[in-house]
Amino acid sequence: DHSAAINGVNLNMKFVPAMLKKPADRQKLIDLI
C-alpha cells in the first residue's frame, strides 16, 4: 500500500537507449508504466 508514504516513494529503473528505438519497444515501456 503506497498510500502509507505521505510524500510518495520512488522506483528507479535503468534501460539502455537501444532497447527503446522501435515504436513497439516504446509502447512496452508505456504499458509497463
PDB file of all heavy atoms in Angstrom:
ATOM      1  N   ASP A   1       0.831  -1.207   0.000  1.00  0.00           N
ATOM      2  CA  ASP A   1       0.000   0.000   0.000  1.00  0.00           C
ATOM      3  C   ASP A   1       0.868   1.262   0.000  1.00  0.00           C
ATOM      4  O   ASP A   1       1.439   1.628   1.021  1.00  0.00           O
ATOM      5  CB  ASP A   1      -0.914  -0.023   1.220  1.00  0.00           C
ATOM      6  CG  ASP A   1      -1.849   1.169   1.271  1.00  0.00           C
ATOM      7  OD1 ASP A   1      -1.911   1.953   0.296  1.00  0.00           O
ATOM      8  OD2 ASP A   1      -2.532   1.319   2.305  1.00  0.00           O
ATOM      9  N   HIS A   2       0.920   1.936  -1.126  1.00  0.00           N
ATOM     10  CA  HIS A   2       1.749   3.133  -1.254  1.00  0.00           C
ATOM     11  C   HIS A   2       1.140   4.347  -0.556  1.00  0.00           C
ATOM     12  O   HIS A   2       1.830   5.341  -0.350  1.00  0.00           O
ATOM     13  CB  HIS A   2       1.985   3.454  -2.725  1.00  0.00           C
ATOM     14  CG  HIS A   2       2.922   2.511  -3.390  1.00  0.00           C
ATOM     15  ND1 HIS A   2       3.825   2.907  -4.321  1.00  0.00           N
ATOM     16  CD2 HIS A   2       3.104   1.175  -3.254  1.00  0.00           C
ATOM     17  CE1 HIS A   2       4.532   1.867  -4.749  1.00  0.00           C
ATOM     18  NE2 HIS A   2       4.097   0.807  -4.112  1.00  0.00           N
ATOM     19  N   SER A   3      -0.126   4.273  -0.210  1.00  0.00           N
ATOM     20  CA  SER A   3      -0.753   5.420   0.449  1.00  0.00           C
ATOM     21  C   SER A   3      -0.160   5.669   1.835  1.00  0.00           C
ATOM     22  O   SER A   3      -0.340   6.741   2.403  1.00  0.00           O
ATOM     23  CB  SER A   3      -2.267   5.222   0.545  1.00  0.00           C
ATOM     24  OG  SER A   3      -2.579   4.161   1.425  1.00  0.00           O
ATOM     25  N   ALA A   4       0.558   4.697   2.378  1.00  0.00           N
ATOM     26  CA  ALA A   4       1.202   4.864   3.684  1.00  0.00           C
ATOM     27  C   ALA A   4       2.380   5.837   3.610  1.00  0.00           C
ATOM     28  O   ALA A   4       2.821   6.356   4.633  1.00  0.00           O
ATOM     29  CB  ALA A   4       1.685   3.514   4.208  1.00  0.00           C
ATOM     30  N   ALA A   5       2.883   6.105   2.426  1.00  0.00           N
ATOM     31  CA  ALA A   5       4.013   7.020   2.241  1.00  0.00           C
ATOM     32  C   ALA A   5       3.463   8.395   1.880  1.00  0.00           C
ATOM     33  O   ALA A   5       3.050   8.630   0.744  1.00  0.00           O
ATOM     34  CB  ALA A   5       4.942   6.508   1.153  1.00  0.00           C
ATOM     35  N   ILE A   6       3.455   9.298   2.829  1.00  0.00           N
ATOM     36  CA  ILE A   6       2.814  10.607   2.666  1.00  0.00           C
ATOM     37  C   ILE A   6       3.366  11.371   1.467  1.00  0.00           C
ATOM     38  O   ILE A   6       2.625  11.954   0.704  1.00  0.00           O
ATOM     39  CB  ILE A   6       2.960  11.434   3.952  1.00  0.00           C
ATOM     40  CG1 ILE A   6       2.195  10.750   5.084  1.00  0.00           C
ATOM     41  CG2 ILE A   6       2.454  12.853   3.755  1.00  0.00           C
ATOM     42  CD1 ILE A   6       2.450  11.315   6.449  1.00  0.00           C
ATOM     43  N   ASN A   7       4.674  11.391   1.299  1.00  0.00           N
ATOM     44  CA  ASN A   7       5.286  12.132   0.195  1.00  0.00           C
ATOM     45  C   ASN A   7       5.575  11.258  -1.015  1.00  0.00           C
ATOM     46  O   ASN A   7       6.268  11.667  -1.926  1.00  0.00           O
ATOM     47  CB  ASN A   7       6.585  12.792   0.655  1.00  0.00           C
ATOM     48  CG  ASN A   7       6.330  13.927   1.595  1.00  0.00           C
ATOM     49  OD1 ASN A   7       5.374  14.670   1.423  1.00  0.00           O
ATOM     50  ND2 ASN A   7       7.154  14.064   2.619  1.00  0.00           N
ATOM     51  N   GLY A   8       5.077  10.054  -1.013  1.00  0.00           N
ATOM     52  CA  GLY A   8       5.320   9.145  -2.116  1.00  0.00           C
ATOM     53  C   GLY A   8       6.649   8.434  -1.991  1.00  0.00           C
ATOM     54  O   GLY A   8       7.460   8.749  -1.113  1.00  0.00           O
ATOM     55  N   VAL A   9       6.836   7.472  -2.831  1.00  0.00           N
ATOM     56  CA  VAL A   9       8.073   6.701  -2.859  1.00  0.00           C
ATOM     57  C   VAL A   9       8.500   6.542  -4.304  1.00  0.00           C
ATOM     58  O   VAL A   9       7.667   6.418  -5.196  1.00  0.00           O
ATOM     59  CB  VAL A   9       7.897   5.313  -2.197  1.00  0.00           C
ATOM     60  CG1 VAL A   9       7.751   5.452  -0.698  1.00  0.00           C
ATOM     61  CG2 VAL A   9       6.699   4.585  -2.761  1.00  0.00           C
ATOM     62  N   ASN A  10       9.785   6.566  -4.549  1.00  0.00           N
ATOM     63  CA  ASN A  10      10.241   6.478  -5.934  1.00  0.00           C
ATOM     64  C   ASN A  10      10.838   5.108  -6.252  1.00  0.00           C
ATOM     65  O   ASN A  10      11.505   4.496  -5.438  1.00  0.00           O
ATOM     66  CB  ASN A  10      11.261   7.572  -6.251  1.00  0.00           C
ATOM     67  CG  ASN A  10      12.504   7.479  -5.419  1.00  0.00           C
ATOM     68  OD1 ASN A  10      12.456   7.580  -4.213  1.00  0.00           O
ATOM     69  ND2 ASN A  10      13.630   7.288  -6.067  1.00  0.00           N
ATOM     70  N   LEU A  11      10.526   4.674  -7.452  1.00  0.00           N
ATOM     71  CA  LEU A  11      11.097   3.456  -8.014  1.00  0.00           C
ATOM     72  C   LEU A  11      11.986   3.886  -9.166  1.00  0.00           C
ATOM     73  O   LEU A  11      11.518   4.536 -10.105  1.00  0.00           O
ATOM     74  CB  LEU A  11       9.994   2.518  -8.507  1.00  0.00           C
ATOM     75  CG  LEU A  11      10.434   1.340  -9.379  1.00  0.00           C
ATOM     76  CD1 LEU A  11      11.382   0.420  -8.609  1.00  0.00           C
ATOM     77  CD2 LEU A  11       9.220   0.574  -9.883  1.00  0.00           C
ATOM     78  N   ASN A  12      13.270   3.559  -9.087  1.00  0.00           N
ATOM     79  CA  ASN A  12      14.215   3.861 -10.159  1.00  0.00           C
ATOM     80  C   ASN A  12      14.402   2.626 -11.025  1.00  0.00           C
ATOM     81  O   ASN A  12      14.559   1.523 -10.508  1.00  0.00           O
ATOM     82  CB  ASN A  12      15.586   4.242  -9.592  1.00  0.00           C
ATOM     83  CG  ASN A  12      15.589   5.596  -8.933  1.00  0.00           C
ATOM     84  OD1 ASN A  12      14.965   6.521  -9.419  1.00  0.00           O
ATOM     85  ND2 ASN A  12      16.281   5.716  -7.823  1.00  0.00           N
ATOM     86  N   MET A  13      14.411   2.832 -12.324  1.00  0.00           N
ATOM     87  CA  MET A  13      14.715   1.742 -13.257  1.00  0.00           C
ATOM     88  C   MET A  13      15.682   2.274 -14.300  1.00  0.00           C
ATOM     89  O   MET A  13      15.695   3.470 -14.596  1.00  0.00           O
ATOM     90  CB  MET A  13      13.444   1.209 -13.909  1.00  0.00           C
ATOM     91  CG  MET A  13      12.479   0.595 -12.903  1.00  0.00           C
ATOM     92  SD  MET A  13      11.064  -0.180 -13.672  1.00  0.00           S
ATOM     93  CE  MET A  13      11.755  -1.789 -14.018  1.00  0.00           C
ATOM     94  N   LYS A  14      16.481   1.374 -14.864  1.00  0.00           N
ATOM     95  CA  LYS A  14      17.502   1.763 -15.842  1.00  0.00           C
ATOM     96  C   LYS A  14      17.342   0.912 -17.094  1.00  0.00           C
ATOM     97  O   LYS A  14      17.235  -0.314 -17.016  1.00  0.00           O
ATOM     98  CB  LYS A  14      18.881   1.561 -15.234  1.00  0.00           C
ATOM     99  CG  LYS A  14      20.047   1.945 -16.124  1.00  0.00           C
ATOM    100  CD  LYS A  14      21.352   1.751 -15.341  1.00  0.00           C
ATOM    101  CE  LYS A  14      22.564   1.864 -16.196  1.00  0.00           C
ATOM    102  NZ  LYS A  14      23.779   1.550 -15.436  1.00  0.00           N
ATOM    103  N   PHE A  15      17.298   1.577 -18.235  1.00  0.00           N
ATOM    104  CA  PHE A  15      17.232   0.923 -19.539  1.00  0.00           C
ATOM    105  C   PHE A  15      18.316   1.530 -20.427  1.00  0.00           C
ATOM    106  O   PHE A  15      18.683   2.684 -20.259  1.00  0.00           O
ATOM    107  CB  PHE A  15      15.871   1.169 -20.218  1.00  0.00           C
ATOM    108  CG  PHE A  15      14.705   0.557 -19.501  1.00  0.00           C
ATOM    109  CD1 PHE A  15      13.976   1.286 -18.591  1.00  0.00           C
ATOM    110  CD2 PHE A  15      14.333  -0.752 -19.751  1.00  0.00           C
ATOM    111  CE1 PHE A  15      12.892   0.732 -17.931  1.00  0.00           C
ATOM    112  CE2 PHE A  15      13.251  -1.327 -19.096  1.00  0.00           C
ATOM    113  CZ  PHE A  15      12.532  -0.570 -18.180  1.00  0.00           C
ATOM    114  N   VAL A  16      18.804   0.753 -21.380  1.00  0.00           N
ATOM    115  CA  VAL A  16      19.750   1.305 -22.355  1.00  0.00           C
ATOM    116  C   VAL A  16      18.955   1.863 -23.528  1.00  0.00           C
ATOM    117  O   VAL A  16      17.896   1.329 -23.873  1.00  0.00           O
ATOM    118  CB  VAL A  16      20.790   0.265 -22.824  1.00  0.00           C
ATOM    119  CG1 VAL A  16      21.722  -0.119 -21.694  1.00  0.00           C
ATOM    120  CG2 VAL A  16      20.146  -0.948 -23.428  1.00  0.00           C
ATOM    121  N   PRO A  17      19.429   2.940 -24.144  1.00  0.00           N
ATOM    122  CA  PRO A  17      18.684   3.577 -25.233  1.00  0.00           C
ATOM    123  C   PRO A  17      18.334   2.634 -26.383  1.00  0.00           C
ATOM    124  O   PRO A  17      17.253   2.746 -26.971  1.00  0.00           O
ATOM    125  CB  PRO A  17      19.629   4.687 -25.708  1.00  0.00           C
ATOM    126  CG  PRO A  17      20.482   4.988 -24.531  1.00  0.00           C
ATOM    127  CD  PRO A  17      20.647   3.674 -23.808  1.00  0.00           C
ATOM    128  N   ALA A  18      19.210   1.681 -26.692  1.00  0.00           N
ATOM    129  CA  ALA A  18      18.967   0.770 -27.816  1.00  0.00           C
ATOM    130  C   ALA A  18      17.677  -0.032 -27.630  1.00  0.00           C
ATOM    131  O   ALA A  18      17.058  -0.459 -28.605  1.00  0.00           O
ATOM    132  CB  ALA A  18      20.146  -0.179 -27.985  1.00  0.00           C
ATOM    133  N   MET A  19      17.260  -0.218 -26.386  1.00  0.00           N
ATOM    134  CA  MET A  19      16.058  -1.005 -26.115  1.00  0.00           C
ATOM    135  C   MET A  19      14.779  -0.246 -26.425  1.00  0.00           C
ATOM    136  O   MET A  19      13.696  -0.826 -26.417  1.00  0.00           O
ATOM    137  CB  MET A  19      16.038  -1.440 -24.650  1.00  0.00           C
ATOM    138  CG  MET A  19      17.141  -2.414 -24.324  1.00  0.00           C
ATOM    139  SD  MET A  19      17.210  -2.786 -22.576  1.00  0.00           S
ATOM    140  CE  MET A  19      15.539  -3.221 -22.241  1.00  0.00           C
ATOM    141  N   LEU A  20      14.879   1.045 -26.689  1.00  0.00           N
ATOM    142  CA  LEU A  20      13.684   1.858 -26.912  1.00  0.00           C
ATOM    143  C   LEU A  20      13.671   2.511 -28.287  1.00  0.00           C
ATOM    144  O   LEU A  20      12.969   3.490 -28.497  1.00  0.00           O
ATOM    145  CB  LEU A  20      13.576   2.913 -25.813  1.00  0.00           C
ATOM    146  CG  LEU A  20      13.461   2.352 -24.395  1.00  0.00           C
ATOM    147  CD1 LEU A  20      13.555   3.465 -23.378  1.00  0.00           C
ATOM    148  CD2 LEU A  20      12.187   1.556 -24.225  1.00  0.00           C
ATOM    149  N   LYS A  21      14.408   1.945 -29.227  1.00  0.00           N
ATOM    150  CA  LYS A  21      14.492   2.532 -30.565  1.00  0.00           C
ATOM    151  C   LYS A  21      13.239   2.292 -31.394  1.00  0.00           C
ATOM    152  O   LYS A  21      12.829   3.140 -32.173  1.00  0.00           O
ATOM    153  CB  LYS A  21      15.713   2.003 -31.311  1.00  0.00           C
ATOM    154  CG  LYS A  21      16.998   2.632 -30.842  1.00  0.00           C
ATOM    155  CD  LYS A  21      18.154   2.249 -31.725  1.00  0.00           C
ATOM    156  CE  LYS A  21      19.380   3.005 -31.270  1.00  0.00           C
ATOM    157  NZ  LYS A  21      20.536   2.743 -32.086  1.00  0.00           N
ATOM    158  N   LYS A  22      12.623   1.147 -31.224  1.00  0.00           N
ATOM    159  CA  LYS A  22      11.456   0.793 -32.043  1.00  0.00           C
ATOM    160  C   LYS A  22      10.170   1.253 -31.361  1.00  0.00           C
ATOM    161  O   LYS A  22      10.060   1.202 -30.135  1.00  0.00           O
ATOM    162  CB  LYS A  22      11.400  -0.721 -32.237  1.00  0.00           C
ATOM    163  CG  LYS A  22      12.586  -1.283 -32.981  1.00  0.00           C
ATOM    164  CD  LYS A  22      12.475  -2.791 -33.083  1.00  0.00           C
ATOM    165  CE  LYS A  22      13.728  -3.375 -33.705  1.00  0.00           C
ATOM    166  NZ  LYS A  22      13.724  -4.832 -33.653  1.00  0.00           N
ATOM    167  N   PRO A  23       9.187   1.678 -32.159  1.00  0.00           N
ATOM    168  CA  PRO A  23       7.899   2.079 -31.578  1.00  0.00           C
ATOM    169  C   PRO A  23       7.280   0.989 -30.697  1.00  0.00           C
ATOM    170  O   PRO A  23       6.710   1.297 -29.651  1.00  0.00           O
ATOM    171  CB  PRO A  23       7.027   2.373 -32.799  1.00  0.00           C
ATOM    172  CG  PRO A  23       8.005   2.757 -33.871  1.00  0.00           C
ATOM    173  CD  PRO A  23       9.224   1.900 -33.614  1.00  0.00           C
ATOM    174  N   ALA A  24       7.415  -0.255 -31.088  1.00  0.00           N
ATOM    175  CA  ALA A  24       6.833  -1.348 -30.295  1.00  0.00           C
ATOM    176  C   ALA A  24       7.506  -1.439 -28.926  1.00  0.00           C
ATOM    177  O   ALA A  24       6.849  -1.732 -27.916  1.00  0.00           O
ATOM    178  CB  ALA A  24       6.967  -2.672 -31.040  1.00  0.00           C
ATOM    179  N   ASP A  25       8.815  -1.171 -28.876  1.00  0.00           N
ATOM    180  CA  ASP A  25       9.524  -1.202 -27.602  1.00  0.00           C
ATOM    181  C   ASP A  25       9.127  -0.025 -26.717  1.00  0.00           C
ATOM    182  O   ASP A  25       8.972  -0.173 -25.501  1.00  0.00           O
ATOM    183  CB  ASP A  25      11.038  -1.207 -27.827  1.00  0.00           C
ATOM    184  CG  ASP A  25      11.508  -2.468 -28.515  1.00  0.00           C
ATOM    185  OD1 ASP A  25      10.853  -3.514 -28.346  1.00  0.00           O
ATOM    186  OD2 ASP A  25      12.518  -2.406 -29.233  1.00  0.00           O
ATOM    187  N   ARG A  26       8.949   1.140 -27.328  1.00  0.00           N
ATOM    188  CA  ARG A  26       8.492   2.302 -26.563  1.00  0.00           C
ATOM    189  C   ARG A  26       7.088   2.051 -26.022  1.00  0.00           C
ATOM    190  O   ARG A  26       6.767   2.435 -24.895  1.00  0.00           O
ATOM    191  CB  ARG A  26       8.557   3.565 -27.406  1.00  0.00           C
ATOM    192  CG  ARG A  26      10.001   3.999 -27.683  1.00  0.00           C
ATOM    193  CD  ARG A  26      10.101   5.362 -28.315  1.00  0.00           C
ATOM    194  NE  ARG A  26       9.548   5.450 -29.646  1.00  0.00           N
ATOM    195  CZ  ARG A  26      10.188   5.131 -30.762  1.00  0.00           C
ATOM    196  NH1 ARG A  26      11.430   4.676 -30.707  1.00  0.00           N
ATOM    197  NH2 ARG A  26       9.599   5.260 -31.934  1.00  0.00           N
ATOM    198  N   GLN A  27       6.254   1.364 -26.795  1.00  0.00           N
ATOM    199  CA  GLN A  27       4.913   1.032 -26.325  1.00  0.00           C
ATOM    200  C   GLN A  27       4.972   0.087 -25.129  1.00  0.00           C
ATOM    201  O   GLN A  27       4.175   0.200 -24.203  1.00  0.00           O
ATOM    202  CB  GLN A  27       4.072   0.422 -27.452  1.00  0.00           C
ATOM    203  CG  GLN A  27       2.622   0.184 -27.060  1.00  0.00           C
ATOM    204  CD  GLN A  27       1.903   1.475 -26.686  1.00  0.00           C
ATOM    205  OE1 GLN A  27       1.942   2.464 -27.412  1.00  0.00           O
ATOM    206  NE2 GLN A  27       1.240   1.478 -25.524  1.00  0.00           N
ATOM    207  N   LYS A  28       5.925  -0.831 -25.132  1.00  0.00           N
ATOM    208  CA  LYS A  28       6.089  -1.725 -23.978  1.00  0.00           C
ATOM    209  C   LYS A  28       6.404  -0.932 -22.716  1.00  0.00           C
ATOM    210  O   LYS A  28       5.907  -1.250 -21.634  1.00  0.00           O
ATOM    211  CB  LYS A  28       7.204  -2.743 -24.235  1.00  0.00           C
ATOM    212  CG  LYS A  28       6.859  -3.807 -25.243  1.00  0.00           C
ATOM    213  CD  LYS A  28       8.061  -4.730 -25.451  1.00  0.00           C
ATOM    214  CE  LYS A  28       7.851  -5.685 -26.583  1.00  0.00           C
ATOM    215  NZ  LYS A  28       9.047  -6.522 -26.810  1.00  0.00           N
ATOM    216  N   LEU A  29       7.238   0.096 -22.846  1.00  0.00           N
ATOM    217  CA  LEU A  29       7.556   0.927 -21.690  1.00  0.00           C
ATOM    218  C   LEU A  29       6.312   1.684 -21.224  1.00  0.00           C
ATOM    219  O   LEU A  29       6.038   1.763 -20.026  1.00  0.00           O
ATOM    220  CB  LEU A  29       8.693   1.902 -22.014  1.00  0.00           C
ATOM    221  CG  LEU A  29       9.112   2.829 -20.873  1.00  0.00           C
ATOM    222  CD1 LEU A  29       9.575   2.032 -19.646  1.00  0.00           C
ATOM    223  CD2 LEU A  29      10.190   3.784 -21.329  1.00  0.00           C
ATOM    224  N   ILE A  30       5.562   2.222 -22.162  1.00  0.00           N
ATOM    225  CA  ILE A  30       4.312   2.910 -21.814  1.00  0.00           C
ATOM    226  C   ILE A  30       3.372   1.953 -21.083  1.00  0.00           C
ATOM    227  O   ILE A  30       2.783   2.298 -20.053  1.00  0.00           O
ATOM    228  CB  ILE A  30       3.643   3.489 -23.081  1.00  0.00           C
ATOM    229  CG1 ILE A  30       4.487   4.637 -23.632  1.00  0.00           C
ATOM    230  CG2 ILE A  30       2.212   3.937 -22.795  1.00  0.00           C
ATOM    231  CD1 ILE A  30       4.103   5.070 -25.042  1.00  0.00           C
ATOM    232  N   ASP A  31       3.245   0.740 -21.600  1.00  0.00           N
ATOM    233  CA  ASP A  31       2.377  -0.259 -20.970  1.00  0.00           C
ATOM    234  C   ASP A  31       2.867  -0.616 -19.566  1.00  0.00           C
ATOM    235  O   ASP A  31       2.063  -0.802 -18.649  1.00  0.00           O
ATOM    236  CB  ASP A  31       2.291  -1.518 -21.827  1.00  0.00           C
ATOM    237  CG  ASP A  31       1.578  -1.281 -23.163  1.00  0.00           C
ATOM    238  OD1 ASP A  31       0.861  -0.262 -23.290  1.00  0.00           O
ATOM    239  OD2 ASP A  31       1.765  -2.111 -24.068  1.00  0.00           O
ATOM    240  N   LEU A  32       4.178  -0.711 -19.393  1.00  0.00           N
ATOM    241  CA  LEU A  32       4.756  -1.009 -18.080  1.00  0.00           C
ATOM    242  C   LEU A  32       4.410   0.097 -17.078  1.00  0.00           C
ATOM    243  O   LEU A  32       3.992  -0.176 -15.947  1.00  0.00           O
ATOM    244  CB  LEU A  32       6.278  -1.162 -18.196  1.00  0.00           C
ATOM    245  CG  LEU A  32       7.009  -1.461 -16.895  1.00  0.00           C
ATOM    246  CD1 LEU A  32       6.782  -2.913 -16.482  1.00  0.00           C
ATOM    247  CD2 LEU A  32       8.496  -1.180 -17.052  1.00  0.00           C
ATOM    248  N   ILE A  33       4.558   1.341 -17.495  1.00  0.00           N
ATOM    249  CA  ILE A  33       4.245   2.480 -16.626  1.00  0.00           C
ATOM    250  C   ILE A  33       2.766   2.465 -16.253  1.00  0.00           C
ATOM    251  O   ILE A  33       2.398   2.607 -15.080  1.00  0.00           O
ATOM    252  CB  ILE A  33       4.633   3.808 -17.303  1.00  0.00           C
ATOM    253  CG1 ILE A  33       6.156   3.888 -17.497  1.00  0.00           C
ATOM    254  CG2 ILE A  33       4.121   4.997 -16.492  1.00  0.00           C
ATOM    255  CD1 ILE A  33       6.608   4.993 -18.435  1.00  0.00           C
TER     256      ILE A  33
END
